[in-house]
Amino acid sequence: MRPHVVCAILLLCTGCIGRGQDAHEPGDRLGTFHVTSGLKRDTCQAALLGVTNDWQFDVKLSRQADTLYWLNGEEAIPGSIAKDGTSFSFESGVEVTLQAAQGARPGCVITRADSASGALGSSTTDVPSFKVDLGFGYAVKPGSECAGWVGVQGGFASLPCSVSYSGSAKRTALPTALAD
């Protein structure tokens, strides 16, 4: 697999049905947000991840009771909203095969553990903004052999490793309920 494809898979894979809505947008829609974030830490130092000092992206959010959904375009990732009505957190993960197994030789599979925590700008469905800290932890899946990806140019400096960002988001599109 080519480094630019691996980059997209590793970093961006970076998303209940309510009242007749699309299963990909459960609960009450909060809108579309543009997130602007800055790199806090990168212990991976892996060119194949495509880590940059600044990272911007769009995400949709929806809410159902004490569950906040991060709608990344692929899936609705459920997170929790604290009792204060604004603090939130998410955890998810993915496995990425960097090199397939060949005969008796195991392949290289990396697990990525994603986390996000932050605070919504409102405890209602009218959320104009939010703050967020994003973390991505990378490790070798047990039983994998990834020595060819560690300590080499373009690979990981070491594994396990992590990348983290801190940012803020502003709503760029209102949900249908607020736009009416």
C-alpha atoms as a PDB file:
ATOM      1  CA  MET A   1       0.000   0.000   0.000  1.00  0.00           C
ATOM      2  CA  ARG A   2       1.404   3.422  -0.918  1.00  0.00           C
ATOM      3  CA  PRO A   3       2.223   5.966   1.836  1.00  0.00           C
ATOM      4  CA  HIS A   4      -0.369   8.540   0.713  1.00  0.00           C
ATOM      5  CA  VAL A   5      -3.131   5.911   0.798  1.00  0.00           C
ATOM      6  CA  VAL A   6      -1.984   4.685   4.210  1.00  0.00           C
ATOM      7  CA  CYS A   7      -1.999   8.296   5.419  1.00  0.00           C
ATOM      8  CA  ALA A   8      -5.622   8.766   4.441  1.00  0.00           C
ATOM      9  CA  ILE A   9      -6.658   5.494   6.050  1.00  0.00           C
ATOM     10  CA  LEU A  10      -4.734   5.963   9.290  1.00  0.00           C
ATOM     11  CA  LEU A  11      -5.572   9.581  10.066  1.00  0.00           C
ATOM     12  CA  LEU A  12      -8.950  10.243   8.533  1.00  0.00           C
ATOM     13  CA  CYS A  13     -10.958   7.102   9.133  1.00  0.00           C
ATOM     14  CA  THR A  14     -11.034  10.952  11.335  1.00  0.00           C
ATOM     15  CA  GLY A  15     -18.162   9.990  11.971  1.00  0.00           C
ATOM     16  CA  CYS A  16     -30.195   4.842  16.770  1.00  0.00           C
ATOM     17  CA  ILE A  17     -32.566   6.357  14.528  1.00  0.00           C
ATOM     18  CA  GLY A  18     -34.498   9.411  15.624  1.00  0.00           C
ATOM     19  CA  ARG A  19     -37.857  10.698  14.485  1.00  0.00           C
ATOM     20  CA  GLY A  20     -37.728   9.412  10.896  1.00  0.00           C
ATOM     21  CA  GLN A  21     -34.169  10.589  10.304  1.00  0.00           C
ATOM     22  CA  ASP A  22     -31.359   8.982   8.392  1.00  0.00           C
ATOM     23  CA  ALA A  23     -29.582   6.309  10.482  1.00  0.00           C
ATOM     24  CA  HIS A  24     -26.343   8.199   9.759  1.00  0.00           C
ATOM     25  CA  GLU A  25     -27.737  11.288  11.537  1.00  0.00           C
ATOM     26  CA  PRO A  26     -29.497  10.068  14.700  1.00  0.00           C
ATOM     27  CA  GLY A  27     -31.175  12.379  17.212  1.00  0.00           C
ATOM     28  CA  ASP A  28     -31.507  16.139  16.905  1.00  0.00           C
ATOM     29  CA  ARG A  29     -29.173  17.640  14.323  1.00  0.00           C
ATOM     30  CA  LEU A  30     -26.880  20.346  15.692  1.00  0.00           C
ATOM     31  CA  GLY A  31     -25.390  21.420  12.368  1.00  0.00           C
ATOM     32  CA  THR A  32     -22.214  21.274  10.329  1.00  0.00           C
ATOM     33  CA  PHE A  33     -19.050  22.636  11.941  1.00  0.00           C
ATOM     34  CA  HIS A  34     -15.676  23.699  10.597  1.00  0.00           C
ATOM     35  CA  VAL A  35     -12.930  22.555  12.981  1.00  0.00           C
ATOM     36  CA  THR A  36      -9.576  24.344  13.070  1.00  0.00           C
ATOM     37  CA  SER A  37      -6.939  22.651  15.208  1.00  0.00           C
ATOM     38  CA  GLY A  38      -3.260  22.848  16.010  1.00  0.00           C
ATOM     39  CA  LEU A  39      -0.818  20.035  16.653  1.00  0.00           C
ATOM     40  CA  LYS A  40      -0.070  19.544  20.362  1.00  0.00           C
ATOM     41  CA  ARG A  41       2.128  16.445  20.204  1.00  0.00           C
ATOM     42  CA  ASP A  42       3.446  13.933  17.687  1.00  0.00           C
ATOM     43  CA  THR A  43       5.515  11.068  19.102  1.00  0.00           C
ATOM     44  CA  CYS A  44       5.022   9.030  15.912  1.00  0.00           C
ATOM     45  CA  GLN A  45       7.067  11.266  13.600  1.00  0.00           C
ATOM     46  CA  ALA A  46       5.699   9.164  10.734  1.00  0.00           C
ATOM     47  CA  ALA A  47       5.602  10.826   7.332  1.00  0.00           C
ATOM     48  CA  LEU A  48       3.069   8.223   6.212  1.00  0.00           C
ATOM     49  CA  LEU A  49       0.513   9.701   8.634  1.00  0.00           C
ATOM     50  CA  GLY A  50       0.622  13.098   6.947  1.00  0.00           C
ATOM     51  CA  VAL A  51       0.587  14.948  10.275  1.00  0.00           C
ATOM     52  CA  THR A  52       0.569  18.724   9.852  1.00  0.00           C
ATOM     53  CA  ASN A  53       0.873  21.580  12.351  1.00  0.00           C
ATOM     54  CA  ASP A  54      -2.597  22.798  11.400  1.00  0.00           C
ATOM     55  CA  TRP A  55      -5.551  20.532  10.642  1.00  0.00           C
ATOM     56  CA  GLN A  56      -8.947  21.679   9.410  1.00  0.00           C
ATOM     57  CA  PHE A  57     -12.004  19.590   8.603  1.00  0.00           C
ATOM     58  CA  ASP A  58     -15.810  19.657   8.624  1.00  0.00           C
ATOM     59  CA  VAL A  59     -17.984  17.475  10.813  1.00  0.00           C
ATOM     60  CA  LYS A  60     -21.692  17.215  11.571  1.00  0.00           C
ATOM     61  CA  LEU A  61     -22.989  16.713  15.104  1.00  0.00           C
ATOM     62  CA  SER A  62     -26.297  15.429  16.402  1.00  0.00           C
ATOM     63  CA  ARG A  63     -27.571  14.816  19.902  1.00  0.00           C
ATOM     64  CA  GLN A  64     -30.000  12.418  21.542  1.00  0.00           C
ATOM     65  CA  ALA A  65     -30.424  12.804  25.316  1.00  0.00           C
ATOM     66  CA  ASP A  66     -26.929  12.354  26.837  1.00  0.00           C
ATOM     67  CA  THR A  67     -25.403  10.957  23.616  1.00  0.00           C
ATOM     68  CA  LEU A  68     -23.543  13.165  21.150  1.00  0.00           C
ATOM     69  CA  TYR A  69     -22.928  11.801  17.641  1.00  0.00           C
ATOM     70  CA  TRP A  70     -19.824  12.727  15.631  1.00  0.00           C
ATOM     71  CA  LEU A  71     -20.960  12.336  12.013  1.00  0.00           C
ATOM     72  CA  ASN A  72     -17.825  11.954   9.916  1.00  0.00           C
ATOM     73  CA  GLY A  73     -19.563  11.054   6.658  1.00  0.00           C
ATOM     74  CA  GLU A  74     -18.907   7.324   7.070  1.00  0.00           C
ATOM     75  CA  GLU A  75     -20.627   6.547  10.357  1.00  0.00           C
ATOM     76  CA  ALA A  76     -22.279   8.030  13.426  1.00  0.00           C
ATOM     77  CA  ILE A  77     -19.752   7.717  16.258  1.00  0.00           C
ATOM     78  CA  PRO A  78     -21.555   7.859  19.622  1.00  0.00           C
ATOM     79  CA  GLY A  79     -20.030   9.768  22.508  1.00  0.00           C
ATOM     80  CA  SER A  80     -21.269  10.855  25.889  1.00  0.00           C
ATOM     81  CA  ILE A  81     -22.390  14.235  27.168  1.00  0.00           C
ATOM     82  CA  ALA A  82     -21.679  14.958  30.846  1.00  0.00           C
ATOM     83  CA  LYS A  83     -24.304  16.096  33.341  1.00  0.00           C
ATOM     84  CA  ASP A  84     -23.348  19.754  32.712  1.00  0.00           C
ATOM     85  CA  GLY A  85     -24.894  19.355  29.233  1.00  0.00           C
ATOM     86  CA  THR A  86     -21.852  20.675  27.350  1.00  0.00           C
ATOM     87  CA  SER A  87     -18.783  18.536  28.165  1.00  0.00           C
ATOM     88  CA  PHE A  88     -18.424  15.580  25.823  1.00  0.00           C
ATOM     89  CA  SER A  89     -16.124  12.666  25.036  1.00  0.00           C
ATOM     90  CA  PHE A  90     -15.745  10.017  22.325  1.00  0.00           C
ATOM     91  CA  GLU A  91     -13.659   6.884  21.871  1.00  0.00           C
ATOM     92  CA  SER A  92     -13.373   4.749  18.760  1.00  0.00           C
ATOM     93  CA  GLY A  93     -10.772   2.817  16.866  1.00  0.00           C
ATOM     94  CA  VAL A  94      -9.779   1.047  13.709  1.00  0.00           C
ATOM     95  CA  GLU A  95      -7.281  -1.536  12.509  1.00  0.00           C
ATOM     96  CA  VAL A  96      -5.248  -0.872   9.370  1.00  0.00           C
ATOM     97  CA  THR A  97      -3.241  -3.491   7.505  1.00  0.00           C
ATOM     98  CA  LEU A  98       0.025  -1.915   6.343  1.00  0.00           C
ATOM     99  CA  GLN A  99       1.366  -5.198   4.991  1.00  0.00           C
ATOM    100  CA  ALA A 100      -0.614  -8.377   4.384  1.00  0.00           C
ATOM    101  CA  ALA A 101       0.556 -11.709   5.801  1.00  0.00           C
ATOM    102  CA  GLN A 102       2.604 -13.780   3.358  1.00  0.00           C
ATOM    103  CA  GLY A 103       2.669 -17.501   4.037  1.00  0.00           C
ATOM    104  CA  ALA A 104       3.984 -18.152   7.549  1.00  0.00           C
ATOM    105  CA  ARG A 105       5.195 -14.545   7.871  1.00  0.00           C
ATOM    106  CA  PRO A 106       2.690 -12.386   9.757  1.00  0.00           C
ATOM    107  CA  GLY A 107       1.632  -9.094   8.243  1.00  0.00           C
ATOM    108  CA  CYS A 108       1.746  -5.677   9.862  1.00  0.00           C
ATOM    109  CA  VAL A 109      -1.525  -4.462  11.357  1.00  0.00           C
ATOM    110  CA  ILE A 110      -1.674  -1.166  13.240  1.00  0.00           C
ATOM    111  CA  THR A 111      -4.452  -0.409  15.702  1.00  0.00           C
ATOM    112  CA  ARG A 112      -5.509   3.200  16.029  1.00  0.00           C
ATOM    113  CA  ALA A 113      -7.368   4.334  19.158  1.00  0.00           C
ATOM    114  CA  ASP A 114      -9.174   7.650  18.659  1.00  0.00           C
ATOM    115  CA  SER A 115     -10.381   9.944  21.406  1.00  0.00           C
ATOM    116  CA  ALA A 116     -12.030  13.321  21.526  1.00  0.00           C
ATOM    117  CA  SER A 117     -13.128  15.480  24.421  1.00  0.00           C
ATOM    118  CA  GLY A 118     -14.367  19.006  24.612  1.00  0.00           C
ATOM    119  CA  ALA A 119     -17.193  21.371  25.382  1.00  0.00           C
ATOM    120  CA  LEU A 120     -20.186  22.406  23.319  1.00  0.00           C
ATOM    121  CA  GLY A 121     -20.988  26.128  23.161  1.00  0.00           C
ATOM    122  CA  SER A 122     -24.528  25.449  24.452  1.00  0.00           C
ATOM    123  CA  SER A 123     -26.450  22.732  26.278  1.00  0.00           C
ATOM    124  CA  THR A 124     -29.401  23.209  23.876  1.00  0.00           C
ATOM    125  CA  THR A 125     -29.737  22.103  20.259  1.00  0.00           C
ATOM    126  CA  ASP A 126     -28.624  25.598  19.164  1.00  0.00           C
ATOM    127  CA  VAL A 127     -24.852  25.013  19.365  1.00  0.00           C
ATOM    128  CA  PRO A 128     -22.868  27.783  17.620  1.00  0.00           C
ATOM    129  CA  SER A 129     -19.429  26.379  18.440  1.00  0.00           C
ATOM    130  CA  PHE A 130     -17.392  23.876  20.412  1.00  0.00           C
ATOM    131  CA  LYS A 131     -13.855  23.269  21.635  1.00  0.00           C
ATOM    132  CA  VAL A 132     -12.185  19.883  21.176  1.00  0.00           C
ATOM    133  CA  ASP A 133      -9.014  17.931  21.958  1.00  0.00           C
ATOM    134  CA  LEU A 134      -8.352  15.053  19.553  1.00  0.00           C
ATOM    135  CA  GLY A 135      -6.007  12.127  20.169  1.00  0.00           C
ATOM    136  CA  PHE A 136      -4.843   9.246  17.996  1.00  0.00           C
ATOM    137  CA  GLY A 137      -2.880   6.383  19.535  1.00  0.00           C
ATOM    138  CA  TYR A 138      -1.067   3.899  17.273  1.00  0.00           C
ATOM    139  CA  ALA A 139       0.173   0.427  18.262  1.00  0.00           C
ATOM    140  CA  VAL A 140       1.135  -2.861  16.662  1.00  0.00           C
ATOM    141  CA  LYS A 141      -1.691  -5.386  16.821  1.00  0.00           C
ATOM    142  CA  PRO A 142      -0.566  -8.430  18.843  1.00  0.00           C
ATOM    143  CA  GLY A 143       0.685 -11.152  16.504  1.00  0.00           C
ATOM    144  CA  SER A 144       1.742  -8.643  13.846  1.00  0.00           C
ATOM    145  CA  GLU A 145       5.277  -7.971  12.658  1.00  0.00           C
ATOM    146  CA  CYS A 146       5.858  -4.296  11.911  1.00  0.00           C
ATOM    147  CA  ALA A 147       9.638  -3.926  12.296  1.00  0.00           C
ATOM    148  CA  GLY A 148       9.878  -2.797   8.663  1.00  0.00           C
ATOM    149  CA  TRP A 149       7.690   0.213   9.473  1.00  0.00           C
ATOM    150  CA  VAL A 150       9.521   1.404  12.611  1.00  0.00           C
ATOM    151  CA  GLY A 151      12.714   3.418  12.706  1.00  0.00           C
ATOM    152  CA  VAL A 152      12.879   3.747   8.921  1.00  0.00           C
ATOM    153  CA  GLN A 153      12.505   6.827   6.757  1.00  0.00           C
ATOM    154  CA  GLY A 154       8.807   7.572   6.254  1.00  0.00           C
ATOM    155  CA  GLY A 155       7.795   5.042   8.921  1.00  0.00           C
ATOM    156  CA  PHE A 156       7.084   5.441  12.620  1.00  0.00           C
ATOM    157  CA  ALA A 157       9.812   6.712  14.951  1.00  0.00           C
ATOM    158  CA  SER A 158       8.517   4.147  17.462  1.00  0.00           C
ATOM    159  CA  LEU A 159       5.389   2.190  18.316  1.00  0.00           C
ATOM    160  CA  PRO A 160       3.273   2.664  20.300  1.00  0.00           C
ATOM    161  CA  CYS A 161       3.026   6.387  19.612  1.00  0.00           C
ATOM    162  CA  SER A 162       0.440   9.152  19.551  1.00  0.00           C
ATOM    163  CA  VAL A 163      -0.652  12.328  17.806  1.00  0.00           C
ATOM    164  CA  SER A 164      -2.836  14.978  19.436  1.00  0.00           C
ATOM    165  CA  TYR A 165      -4.514  18.196  18.361  1.00  0.00           C
ATOM    166  CA  SER A 166      -6.412  20.940  20.155  1.00  0.00           C
ATOM    167  CA  GLY A 167      -8.958  23.051  18.353  1.00  0.00           C
ATOM    168  CA  SER A 168     -12.201  24.909  18.090  1.00  0.00           C
ATOM    169  CA  ALA A 169     -15.160  24.719  15.751  1.00  0.00           C
ATOM    170  CA  LYS A 170     -17.741  27.144  14.437  1.00  0.00           C
ATOM    171  CA  ARG A 171     -21.058  26.130  12.956  1.00  0.00           C
ATOM    172  CA  THR A 172     -21.097  26.719   9.193  1.00  0.00           C
ATOM    173  CA  ALA A 173     -24.529  25.249   8.407  1.00  0.00           C
ATOM    174  CA  LEU A 174     -27.644  25.211  10.528  1.00  0.00           C
ATOM    175  CA  PRO A 175     -29.602  22.012  11.010  1.00  0.00           C
ATOM    176  CA  THR A 176     -32.976  21.960   9.258  1.00  0.00           C
ATOM    177  CA  ALA A 177     -34.895  22.506  12.531  1.00  0.00           C
ATOM    178  CA  LEU A 178     -33.081  25.817  13.234  1.00  0.00           C
ATOM    179  CA  ALA A 179     -33.005  26.986   9.618  1.00  0.00           C
ATOM    180  CA  ASP A 180     -36.834  26.997   9.341  1.00  0.00           C
END
